[in-house]
N, C-alpha and C. Protein backbone atom coordinates (compact mmCIF):
# COMPACT_ATOMS: atom_id res chain seq x y z
N MET A 1 -40.97 101.81 -99.83
CA MET A 1 -41.72 100.65 -99.39
C MET A 1 -41.00 99.97 -98.26
N ASP A 2 -41.86 99.70 -97.10
CA ASP A 2 -40.98 98.91 -96.13
C ASP A 2 -41.01 97.44 -96.07
N ASP A 3 -40.45 96.77 -95.16
CA ASP A 3 -40.09 95.38 -95.23
C ASP A 3 -41.49 94.55 -95.37
N ALA A 4 -42.45 95.01 -94.55
CA ALA A 4 -43.79 94.33 -94.50
C ALA A 4 -44.44 94.23 -95.95
N GLU A 5 -44.29 95.40 -96.66
CA GLU A 5 -44.88 95.41 -98.07
C GLU A 5 -44.00 94.48 -98.85
N GLN A 6 -42.78 94.41 -98.86
CA GLN A 6 -41.94 93.62 -99.53
C GLN A 6 -42.24 92.13 -99.55
N VAL A 7 -42.55 91.74 -98.31
CA VAL A 7 -42.83 90.14 -98.09
C VAL A 7 -44.35 89.84 -98.38
N GLY A 8 -45.01 90.76 -98.94
CA GLY A 8 -46.39 90.46 -99.29
C GLY A 8 -47.45 90.60 -98.17
N ALA A 9 -47.25 91.74 -97.42
CA ALA A 9 -48.20 91.94 -96.29
C ALA A 9 -49.61 91.93 -96.79
N VAL A 10 -50.45 91.41 -95.84
CA VAL A 10 -51.95 91.50 -96.10
C VAL A 10 -52.25 93.00 -95.66
N VAL A 11 -52.96 93.66 -96.54
CA VAL A 11 -53.39 94.92 -96.36
C VAL A 11 -54.86 95.15 -95.71
N LEU A 12 -54.96 95.72 -94.62
CA LEU A 12 -56.21 95.85 -93.79
C LEU A 12 -56.48 97.43 -93.71
N ALA A 13 -57.83 97.80 -94.20
CA ALA A 13 -58.02 99.23 -94.02
C ALA A 13 -58.51 99.47 -92.59
N GLY A 14 -57.96 100.30 -91.82
CA GLY A 14 -58.44 100.59 -90.48
C GLY A 14 -59.91 101.31 -90.63
N ALA A 15 -60.14 102.03 -91.50
CA ALA A 15 -61.45 102.67 -91.73
C ALA A 15 -62.62 101.62 -92.07
N ALA A 16 -62.23 100.36 -92.43
CA ALA A 16 -63.17 99.41 -92.59
C ALA A 16 -63.32 98.56 -91.40
N ALA A 17 -62.65 98.85 -90.35
CA ALA A 17 -62.73 98.03 -89.20
C ALA A 17 -62.80 98.91 -87.94
N ARG A 18 -63.80 99.86 -87.91
CA ARG A 18 -64.04 100.73 -86.83
C ARG A 18 -64.69 100.06 -85.63
N THR A 19 -65.34 98.98 -85.87
CA THR A 19 -65.97 98.19 -84.75
C THR A 19 -65.37 96.85 -84.65
N ARG A 20 -65.57 96.10 -83.51
CA ARG A 20 -64.97 94.77 -83.38
C ARG A 20 -65.66 93.78 -84.56
N PRO A 21 -66.93 93.76 -84.68
CA PRO A 21 -67.55 92.91 -85.63
C PRO A 21 -66.83 93.26 -87.06
N ALA A 22 -66.71 94.41 -87.40
CA ALA A 22 -66.13 94.96 -88.68
C ALA A 22 -64.68 94.42 -88.92
N LEU A 23 -63.85 94.60 -87.78
CA LEU A 23 -62.54 94.11 -87.75
C LEU A 23 -62.44 92.64 -87.95
N PHE A 24 -63.33 91.90 -87.26
CA PHE A 24 -63.31 90.36 -87.46
C PHE A 24 -63.65 90.13 -88.81
N ALA A 25 -64.84 90.68 -89.35
CA ALA A 25 -65.12 90.48 -90.82
C ALA A 25 -64.10 90.77 -91.72
N THR A 26 -63.38 91.75 -91.46
CA THR A 26 -62.38 92.32 -92.43
C THR A 26 -61.10 91.37 -92.36
N LEU A 27 -60.71 90.95 -91.15
CA LEU A 27 -59.66 89.82 -91.05
C LEU A 27 -60.11 88.65 -91.68
N ALA A 28 -61.23 88.12 -91.49
CA ALA A 28 -61.74 86.85 -91.95
C ALA A 28 -61.71 86.92 -93.46
N GLU A 29 -62.13 87.90 -94.04
CA GLU A 29 -62.06 88.08 -95.56
C GLU A 29 -60.64 88.13 -96.05
N ALA A 30 -59.79 89.02 -95.45
CA ALA A 30 -58.56 89.18 -95.93
C ALA A 30 -57.53 87.94 -95.83
N LEU A 31 -57.80 87.20 -94.68
CA LEU A 31 -57.02 86.06 -94.42
C LEU A 31 -57.65 84.74 -94.60
N ALA A 32 -58.76 84.77 -95.30
CA ALA A 32 -59.53 83.57 -95.55
C ALA A 32 -59.60 82.65 -94.35
N LEU A 33 -60.11 83.40 -93.17
CA LEU A 33 -60.22 82.65 -91.96
C LEU A 33 -61.37 81.69 -92.10
N PRO A 34 -61.38 80.66 -91.17
CA PRO A 34 -62.57 79.82 -91.15
C PRO A 34 -63.89 80.46 -90.85
N ALA A 35 -64.94 79.76 -91.49
CA ALA A 35 -66.21 80.34 -91.25
C ALA A 35 -66.76 80.19 -89.77
N TYR A 36 -66.10 79.31 -89.05
CA TYR A 36 -66.43 79.11 -87.67
C TYR A 36 -65.86 80.03 -86.63
N LEU A 37 -65.15 81.08 -87.20
CA LEU A 37 -64.61 82.24 -86.51
C LEU A 37 -65.71 82.87 -85.57
N GLY A 38 -65.53 82.88 -84.34
CA GLY A 38 -66.47 83.36 -83.54
C GLY A 38 -66.36 84.91 -83.41
N ASP A 39 -67.09 85.35 -82.28
CA ASP A 39 -67.06 86.93 -82.20
C ASP A 39 -66.34 87.39 -80.89
N THR A 40 -65.44 86.59 -80.35
CA THR A 40 -64.54 86.88 -79.22
C THR A 40 -63.08 86.92 -79.48
N TRP A 41 -62.49 87.61 -78.54
CA TRP A 41 -61.08 87.76 -78.84
C TRP A 41 -60.36 86.43 -78.75
N ASP A 42 -60.80 85.59 -77.92
CA ASP A 42 -60.18 84.22 -77.81
C ASP A 42 -60.34 83.55 -79.05
N ALA A 43 -61.57 83.62 -79.72
CA ALA A 43 -61.81 82.96 -80.97
C ALA A 43 -60.92 83.52 -82.05
N LEU A 44 -60.67 84.79 -82.09
CA LEU A 44 -59.73 85.37 -83.07
C LEU A 44 -58.38 84.84 -82.84
N ALA A 45 -58.04 84.85 -81.65
CA ALA A 45 -56.61 84.42 -81.31
C ALA A 45 -56.53 82.95 -81.71
N ASP A 46 -57.51 82.11 -81.56
CA ASP A 46 -57.37 80.66 -82.01
C ASP A 46 -57.12 80.58 -83.47
N VAL A 47 -57.99 81.29 -84.35
CA VAL A 47 -57.90 81.09 -85.66
C VAL A 47 -56.64 81.75 -86.23
N LEU A 48 -56.23 82.88 -85.63
CA LEU A 48 -55.02 83.43 -86.04
C LEU A 48 -53.73 82.56 -85.71
N ARG A 49 -53.82 81.89 -84.55
CA ARG A 49 -52.79 80.95 -84.26
C ARG A 49 -52.73 79.93 -85.23
N ASP A 50 -53.97 79.30 -85.66
CA ASP A 50 -53.95 78.30 -86.67
C ASP A 50 -53.16 78.78 -87.90
N ARG A 51 -53.52 80.09 -88.28
CA ARG A 51 -53.02 80.73 -89.57
C ARG A 51 -51.47 80.71 -89.38
N LEU A 52 -50.94 81.00 -88.18
CA LEU A 52 -49.56 81.18 -87.97
C LEU A 52 -48.89 79.77 -87.86
N ASP A 53 -49.62 78.80 -87.66
CA ASP A 53 -49.05 77.32 -87.67
C ASP A 53 -48.61 77.05 -89.20
N ALA A 54 -49.21 77.74 -90.14
CA ALA A 54 -48.86 77.47 -91.50
C ALA A 54 -47.80 78.34 -92.05
N GLY A 55 -47.38 79.32 -91.36
CA GLY A 55 -46.31 80.15 -91.86
C GLY A 55 -46.44 81.60 -91.28
N PRO A 56 -45.36 82.38 -91.66
CA PRO A 56 -45.39 83.81 -91.08
C PRO A 56 -46.40 84.65 -91.72
N LEU A 57 -46.82 85.66 -91.03
CA LEU A 57 -47.86 86.61 -91.47
C LEU A 57 -47.38 88.00 -91.14
N ALA A 58 -47.61 88.84 -92.16
CA ALA A 58 -47.42 90.39 -91.96
C ALA A 58 -48.68 91.00 -92.33
N LEU A 59 -49.16 91.95 -91.44
CA LEU A 59 -50.36 92.72 -91.63
C LEU A 59 -49.89 94.27 -91.74
N LEU A 60 -50.32 94.82 -92.73
CA LEU A 60 -50.22 96.34 -92.86
C LEU A 60 -51.62 97.00 -92.74
N VAL A 61 -51.76 97.72 -91.63
CA VAL A 61 -53.02 98.43 -91.42
C VAL A 61 -52.95 99.80 -91.89
N THR A 62 -53.65 100.20 -92.84
CA THR A 62 -53.75 101.52 -93.36
C THR A 62 -54.77 102.31 -92.51
N ASP A 63 -54.80 103.56 -92.35
CA ASP A 63 -55.74 104.44 -91.63
C ASP A 63 -55.75 103.88 -90.28
N ALA A 64 -54.60 103.51 -89.66
CA ALA A 64 -54.51 102.83 -88.39
C ALA A 64 -55.33 103.44 -87.22
N GLY A 65 -55.42 104.88 -87.32
CA GLY A 65 -55.95 105.71 -86.31
C GLY A 65 -57.56 105.40 -86.35
N GLN A 66 -58.07 104.81 -87.29
CA GLN A 66 -59.54 104.44 -87.37
C GLN A 66 -59.79 103.08 -86.90
N LEU A 67 -58.79 102.24 -86.70
CA LEU A 67 -58.93 100.89 -86.24
C LEU A 67 -59.74 100.95 -84.84
N LEU A 68 -60.82 100.28 -84.95
CA LEU A 68 -61.66 100.06 -83.56
C LEU A 68 -61.92 101.61 -83.00
N ALA A 69 -62.05 102.51 -83.80
CA ALA A 69 -62.40 103.90 -83.38
C ALA A 69 -63.88 103.99 -82.76
N ASP A 70 -64.79 103.13 -83.23
CA ASP A 70 -66.16 103.29 -82.73
C ASP A 70 -66.46 102.25 -81.40
N GLU A 71 -65.23 101.78 -80.95
CA GLU A 71 -65.44 100.82 -79.79
C GLU A 71 -64.75 101.59 -78.55
N PRO A 72 -64.99 101.05 -77.33
CA PRO A 72 -64.44 101.64 -76.18
C PRO A 72 -62.82 101.38 -76.28
N PRO A 73 -62.07 102.25 -75.68
CA PRO A 73 -60.63 102.19 -75.83
C PRO A 73 -60.16 100.84 -75.31
N GLY A 74 -60.91 100.22 -74.28
CA GLY A 74 -60.34 98.84 -74.01
C GLY A 74 -60.30 97.97 -75.10
N GLN A 75 -61.13 97.89 -76.06
CA GLN A 75 -61.11 96.99 -77.22
C GLN A 75 -59.84 97.04 -77.98
N HIS A 76 -59.22 98.29 -78.11
CA HIS A 76 -58.04 98.44 -78.91
C HIS A 76 -56.88 97.81 -78.11
N ALA A 77 -57.00 97.88 -76.74
CA ALA A 77 -55.88 97.26 -75.89
C ALA A 77 -56.00 95.71 -75.91
N LEU A 78 -57.35 95.23 -76.14
CA LEU A 78 -57.42 93.75 -76.15
C LEU A 78 -56.89 93.25 -77.49
N LEU A 79 -57.15 94.07 -78.59
CA LEU A 79 -56.49 93.60 -79.90
C LEU A 79 -54.96 93.60 -79.78
N ARG A 80 -54.55 94.55 -79.09
CA ARG A 80 -52.95 94.68 -79.07
C ARG A 80 -52.36 93.48 -78.14
N SER A 81 -53.17 93.24 -77.08
CA SER A 81 -52.89 92.06 -76.28
C SER A 81 -52.79 90.67 -77.02
N VAL A 82 -53.88 90.41 -77.87
CA VAL A 82 -53.95 89.23 -78.71
C VAL A 82 -52.85 89.16 -79.63
N LEU A 83 -52.63 90.22 -80.27
CA LEU A 83 -51.45 90.35 -81.37
C LEU A 83 -50.10 90.13 -80.68
N ASP A 84 -49.93 90.88 -79.47
CA ASP A 84 -48.68 90.63 -78.84
C ASP A 84 -48.36 89.25 -78.39
N ASP A 85 -49.51 88.62 -77.86
CA ASP A 85 -49.26 87.24 -77.49
C ASP A 85 -48.92 86.25 -78.57
N LEU A 86 -49.65 86.42 -79.72
CA LEU A 86 -49.21 85.70 -80.86
C LEU A 86 -48.01 85.86 -81.29
N ALA A 87 -47.52 87.14 -81.32
CA ALA A 87 -46.22 87.45 -81.99
C ALA A 87 -45.08 86.88 -81.07
N SER A 88 -45.40 86.67 -79.70
CA SER A 88 -44.28 86.20 -78.93
C SER A 88 -44.54 84.48 -78.77
N THR A 89 -45.60 83.95 -79.10
CA THR A 89 -45.67 82.57 -78.75
C THR A 89 -45.94 81.57 -80.09
N ALA A 90 -46.36 82.20 -81.13
CA ALA A 90 -46.75 81.46 -82.36
C ALA A 90 -45.55 80.85 -82.88
N PRO A 91 -45.69 79.77 -83.57
CA PRO A 91 -44.60 79.03 -84.25
C PRO A 91 -43.91 79.84 -85.48
N HIS A 92 -44.60 80.72 -86.11
CA HIS A 92 -44.01 81.54 -87.11
C HIS A 92 -44.24 83.02 -86.78
N PRO A 93 -43.39 83.84 -87.22
CA PRO A 93 -43.53 85.27 -87.08
C PRO A 93 -44.78 85.97 -87.54
N LEU A 94 -45.25 86.89 -86.55
CA LEU A 94 -46.44 87.76 -86.86
C LEU A 94 -45.74 89.12 -86.83
N ARG A 95 -46.07 90.05 -87.94
CA ARG A 95 -45.56 91.40 -87.90
C ARG A 95 -46.74 92.11 -88.29
N VAL A 96 -47.01 93.16 -87.46
CA VAL A 96 -48.10 94.27 -87.62
C VAL A 96 -47.50 95.51 -87.93
N VAL A 97 -47.76 96.15 -88.95
CA VAL A 97 -47.31 97.53 -89.20
C VAL A 97 -48.61 98.40 -89.36
N LEU A 98 -48.53 99.55 -88.50
CA LEU A 98 -49.63 100.45 -88.47
C LEU A 98 -49.24 101.78 -89.24
N ARG A 99 -50.08 102.03 -90.18
CA ARG A 99 -49.88 103.30 -90.83
C ARG A 99 -51.02 104.29 -90.62
N PRO A 100 -50.62 105.61 -90.47
CA PRO A 100 -51.72 106.55 -90.24
C PRO A 100 -52.61 106.74 -91.33
């Protein structure tokens, strides 16, 4: 068991998030994000930043190879950009572990 699991990581199944809408829905459910979450990367960044204002967050993505697999490759890069920005600027730590 790695550190992310030990600190109570939120587990997301990459297989359930093969599209951007599915990813947003999966994150919204797993993290109890607000209902006003929009469908843009900026909206996701905003609600995740609000979540990180409350404390640290660890995400464990299983089946990570399937994450956004039905989207153009640029979408995966945008997700990484959002998460990288949050990890470097949010008031509390964000840790993302990708498992095959």
